[in-house]
C-alpha atoms as a PDB file:
ATOM      1  CA  UNK A   1      -0.033   0.018  -0.053  1.00  0.00           C
ATOM      2  CA  UNK A   2       1.425   3.382  -0.988  1.00  0.00           C
ATOM      3  CA  UNK A   3       0.277   6.891   0.025  1.00  0.00           C
ATOM      4  CA  UNK A   4       0.443   9.970  -2.144  1.00  0.00           C
ATOM      5  CA  UNK A   5      -0.478  13.529  -1.725  1.00  0.00           C
ATOM      6  CA  UNK A   6      -1.559  15.383  -4.868  1.00  0.00           C
ATOM      7  CA  UNK A   7      -1.990  19.347  -5.469  1.00  0.00           C
ATOM      8  CA  UNK A   8      -3.947  19.934  -8.540  1.00  0.00           C
ATOM      9  CA  UNK A   9      -3.798  23.313 -10.232  1.00  0.00           C
ATOM     10  CA  UNK A  10      -5.872  24.989 -13.055  1.00  0.00           C
ATOM     11  CA  UNK A  11      -9.659  25.225 -13.622  1.00  0.00           C
ATOM     12  CA  UNK A  12     -10.284  22.739 -10.905  1.00  0.00           C
ATOM     13  CA  UNK A  13     -13.066  24.076  -8.699  1.00  0.00           C
ATOM     14  CA  UNK A  14     -16.562  24.463  -9.645  1.00  0.00           C
ATOM     15  CA  UNK A  15     -16.153  21.838 -12.087  1.00  0.00           C
ATOM     16  CA  UNK A  16     -17.346  18.535 -10.337  1.00  0.00           C
ATOM     17  CA  UNK A  17     -13.832  17.802  -9.749  1.00  0.00           C
ATOM     18  CA  UNK A  18     -14.198  16.561  -6.148  1.00  0.00           C
ATOM     19  CA  UNK A  19     -17.267  14.658  -7.001  1.00  0.00           C
ATOM     20  CA  UNK A  20     -15.718  13.037 -10.286  1.00  0.00           C
ATOM     21  CA  UNK A  21     -12.431  12.121  -8.278  1.00  0.00           C
ATOM     22  CA  UNK A  22     -14.560  10.289  -5.544  1.00  0.00           C
ATOM     23  CA  UNK A  23     -16.380   8.328  -8.427  1.00  0.00           C
ATOM     24  CA  UNK A  24     -13.093   7.243  -9.868  1.00  0.00           C
ATOM     25  CA  UNK A  25     -11.396   6.542  -6.772  1.00  0.00           C
ATOM     26  CA  UNK A  26     -14.475   4.389  -5.845  1.00  0.00           C
ATOM     27  CA  UNK A  27     -14.345   2.614  -8.965  1.00  0.00           C
ATOM     28  CA  UNK A  28     -10.439   1.945  -8.839  1.00  0.00           C
ATOM     29  CA  UNK A  29     -10.648   0.889  -5.089  1.00  0.00           C
ATOM     30  CA  UNK A  30      -8.446   4.006  -4.163  1.00  0.00           C
ATOM     31  CA  UNK A  31      -8.967   5.052  -0.432  1.00  0.00           C
ATOM     32  CA  UNK A  32      -8.242   8.585   0.734  1.00  0.00           C
ATOM     33  CA  UNK A  33      -9.938  12.099   0.463  1.00  0.00           C
ATOM     34  CA  UNK A  34     -10.116  15.231  -1.778  1.00  0.00           C
ATOM     35  CA  UNK A  35     -10.859  18.768  -0.851  1.00  0.00           C
ATOM     36  CA  UNK A  36     -11.003  21.977  -2.386  1.00  0.00           C
ATOM     37  CA  UNK A  37      -8.220  24.469  -1.116  1.00  0.00           C
ATOM     38  CA  UNK A  38      -8.426  28.374  -0.625  1.00  0.00           C
ATOM     39  CA  UNK A  39      -5.829  29.081  -3.246  1.00  0.00           C
ATOM     40  CA  UNK A  40      -8.219  27.547  -5.928  1.00  0.00           C
ATOM     41  CA  UNK A  41      -6.418  24.136  -6.120  1.00  0.00           C
ATOM     42  CA  UNK A  42      -7.708  20.699  -5.264  1.00  0.00           C
ATOM     43  CA  UNK A  43      -5.828  18.704  -2.651  1.00  0.00           C
ATOM     44  CA  UNK A  44      -5.883  14.694  -2.679  1.00  0.00           C
ATOM     45  CA  UNK A  45      -4.461  12.175  -0.382  1.00  0.00           C
ATOM     46  CA  UNK A  46      -4.705   8.557  -1.835  1.00  0.00           C
ATOM     47  CA  UNK A  47      -3.998   4.970  -1.187  1.00  0.00           C
ATOM     48  CA  UNK A  48      -3.642   1.999  -3.090  1.00  0.00           C
ATOM     49  CA  UNK A  49      -1.099  -0.265  -4.891  1.00  0.00           C
ATOM     50  CA  UNK A  50       1.422   1.508  -7.080  1.00  0.00           C
ATOM     51  CA  UNK A  51      -0.091   0.518 -10.263  1.00  0.00           C
ATOM     52  CA  UNK A  52      -3.630   1.558  -9.375  1.00  0.00           C
ATOM     53  CA  UNK A  53      -2.117   4.896  -7.878  1.00  0.00           C
ATOM     54  CA  UNK A  54      -0.351   5.673 -11.404  1.00  0.00           C
ATOM     55  CA  UNK A  55      -3.647   5.155 -13.199  1.00  0.00           C
ATOM     56  CA  UNK A  56      -5.337   7.241 -10.802  1.00  0.00           C
ATOM     57  CA  UNK A  57      -2.807   9.949 -11.236  1.00  0.00           C
ATOM     58  CA  UNK A  58      -3.185   9.971 -14.918  1.00  0.00           C
ATOM     59  CA  UNK A  59      -6.875  10.526 -14.728  1.00  0.00           C
ATOM     60  CA  UNK A  60      -6.264  13.299 -12.210  1.00  0.00           C
ATOM     61  CA  UNK A  61      -3.992  15.193 -15.000  1.00  0.00           C
ATOM     62  CA  UNK A  62      -7.251  15.474 -16.888  1.00  0.00           C
ATOM     63  CA  UNK A  63      -9.946  15.418 -14.507  1.00  0.00           C
ATOM     64  CA  UNK A  64     -13.690  15.770 -15.341  1.00  0.00           C
ATOM     65  CA  UNK A  65     -14.781  17.017 -18.806  1.00  0.00           C
ATOM     66  CA  UNK A  66     -15.199  20.925 -17.515  1.00  0.00           C
ATOM     67  CA  UNK A  67     -11.718  20.930 -15.868  1.00  0.00           C
ATOM     68  CA  UNK A  68      -8.513  22.388 -17.281  1.00  0.00           C
ATOM     69  CA  UNK A  69      -5.609  20.854 -15.338  1.00  0.00           C
ATOM     70  CA  UNK A  70      -2.753  22.795 -15.431  1.00  0.00           C
ATOM     71  CA  UNK A  71      -0.164  20.885 -13.139  1.00  0.00           C
ATOM     72  CA  UNK A  72      -0.376  17.922 -10.640  1.00  0.00           C
ATOM     73  CA  UNK A  73       2.215  18.154  -7.976  1.00  0.00           C
ATOM     74  CA  UNK A  74       2.989  14.497  -6.384  1.00  0.00           C
ATOM     75  CA  UNK A  75       4.486  13.917  -3.036  1.00  0.00           C
ATOM     76  CA  UNK A  76       4.913  10.454  -1.107  1.00  0.00           C
ATOM     77  CA  UNK A  77       3.364  10.140   2.256  1.00  0.00           C
ATOM     78  CA  UNK A  78       2.875   7.805   5.090  1.00  0.00           C
ATOM     79  CA  UNK A  79      -0.170   5.606   4.768  1.00  0.00           C
ATOM     80  CA  UNK A  80      -2.972   6.757   7.303  1.00  0.00           C
ATOM     81  CA  UNK A  81      -4.953   3.564   6.367  1.00  0.00           C
ATOM     82  CA  UNK A  82      -8.208   5.189   5.037  1.00  0.00           C
ATOM     83  CA  UNK A  83     -11.300   2.928   4.948  1.00  0.00           C
ATOM     84  CA  UNK A  84     -13.029   4.756   2.057  1.00  0.00           C
ATOM     85  CA  UNK A  85     -12.656   7.912  -0.106  1.00  0.00           C
ATOM     86  CA  UNK A  86     -14.503  10.929   1.096  1.00  0.00           C
ATOM     87  CA  UNK A  87     -15.008  14.440  -0.353  1.00  0.00           C
ATOM     88  CA  UNK A  88     -14.186  16.878   2.263  1.00  0.00           C
ATOM     89  CA  UNK A  89     -16.980  19.540   1.955  1.00  0.00           C
ATOM     90  CA  UNK A  90     -15.463  22.290   4.446  1.00  0.00           C
ATOM     91  CA  UNK A  91     -12.281  23.857   5.353  1.00  0.00           C
ATOM     92  CA  UNK A  92     -12.125  24.670   8.803  1.00  0.00           C
ATOM     93  CA  UNK A  93      -9.456  27.500   8.279  1.00  0.00           C
ATOM     94  CA  UNK A  94     -11.580  29.580   5.875  1.00  0.00           C
END
């Protein structure tokens, strides 16, 4: 099990990016979370095997139909043993 953190920038808010990411993650068996950030980016934590994560990142580089992804930053992280994939609706800091 690998864990990665993604910061996705571009036109990625207001285009159903979070909901689409959850749907794709659920289909692929990826566990983790997705949330909008104050700077207009989308932040994702994802856990799965290496091949599944590679395919998931490939999808994130395009996103849903109305998104215009400019960049995806990928960083390795420590597994948190997520049980499912969830959309975080509110950021408590803004």
